[in-house]
Each structure stands twice: as C-alpha cells, then as structure tokens.
C-alpha atoms as a PDB file:
ATOM      1  CA  MET A   1     220.978 -98.531  44.812  1.00  0.00           C
ATOM      2  CA  THR A   2     220.578-100.608  48.365  1.00  0.00           C
ATOM      3  CA  LEU A   3     217.400-102.826  47.838  1.00  0.00           C
ATOM      4  CA  THR A   4     216.680-105.580  50.857  1.00  0.00           C
ATOM      5  CA  PHE A   5     216.038-108.766  49.817  1.00  0.00           C
ATOM      6  CA  GLU A   6     211.977-108.980  50.256  1.00  0.00           C
ATOM      7  CA  GLU A   7     211.900-105.911  47.959  1.00  0.00           C
ATOM      8  CA  ILE A   8     214.545-107.423  45.090  1.00  0.00           C
ATOM      9  CA  ILE A   9     212.258-110.834  45.200  1.00  0.00           C
ATOM     10  CA  VAL A  10     209.137-108.158  44.619  1.00  0.00           C
ATOM     11  CA  PHE A  11     210.282-106.315  41.639  1.00  0.00           C
ATOM     12  CA  ALA A  12     211.433-109.725  40.419  1.00  0.00           C
ATOM     13  CA  GLY A  13     208.156-110.898  40.659  1.00  0.00           C
ATOM     14  CA  SER A  14     206.258-108.175  39.335  1.00  0.00           C
ATOM     15  CA  MET A  15     208.628-107.905  35.842  1.00  0.00           C
ATOM     16  CA  SER A  16     209.159-111.272  33.757  1.00  0.00           C
ATOM     17  CA  PRO A  17     209.946-114.337  35.088  1.00  0.00           C
ATOM     18  CA  LEU A  18     213.586-113.723  32.976  1.00  0.00           C
ATOM     19  CA  ILE A  19     214.769-110.977  35.321  1.00  0.00           C
ATOM     20  CA  CYS A  20     214.128-113.559  38.128  1.00  0.00           C
ATOM     21  CA  ILE A  21     216.293-116.318  36.225  1.00  0.00           C
ATOM     22  CA  VAL A  22     219.272-112.962  35.864  1.00  0.00           C
ATOM     23  CA  VAL A  23     219.020-112.854  39.586  1.00  0.00           C
ATOM     24  CA  VAL A  24     219.302-116.551  39.988  1.00  0.00           C
ATOM     25  CA  LEU A  25     222.304-116.794  37.585  1.00  0.00           C
ATOM     26  CA  PHE A  26     223.874-113.795  38.852  1.00  0.00           C
ATOM     27  CA  ALA A  27     223.556-115.039  42.713  1.00  0.00           C
ATOM     28  CA  TYR A  28     225.338-118.567  40.928  1.00  0.00           C
ATOM     29  CA  ALA A  29     228.138-116.323  39.976  1.00  0.00           C
ATOM     30  CA  ARG A  30     228.538-115.019  43.122  1.00  0.00           C
ATOM     31  CA  PHE A  31     227.840-118.646  44.972  1.00  0.00           C
ATOM     32  CA  LEU A  32     231.323-120.146  43.023  1.00  0.00           C
ATOM     33  CA  GLU A  33     233.463-116.795  43.202  1.00  0.00           C
ATOM     34  CA  LYS A  34     233.145-117.213  46.850  1.00  0.00           C
ATOM     35  CA  LYS A  35     234.799-121.092  46.654  1.00  0.00           C
END
C-alpha cells in the first residue's frame, strides 16, 4: 500500500484527529531511529 504524502494527509484529515496523532508519533519514532 503505497501512498503519496498528500494522500496520507488527506486520508488522515478525513479520519478522526487521533489518526493524525498516530501518524505524527510514527514519523517521530522513525526520526529517532535514524539518529
């Protein structure tokens, strides 16, 4: 399942704000792993 960044934003926006929080936390976790 490959989505563009814009599609992810639109999908998260159409869902509940909790989805946005989960996406942000996931991205932050990936950011910490790269350090």
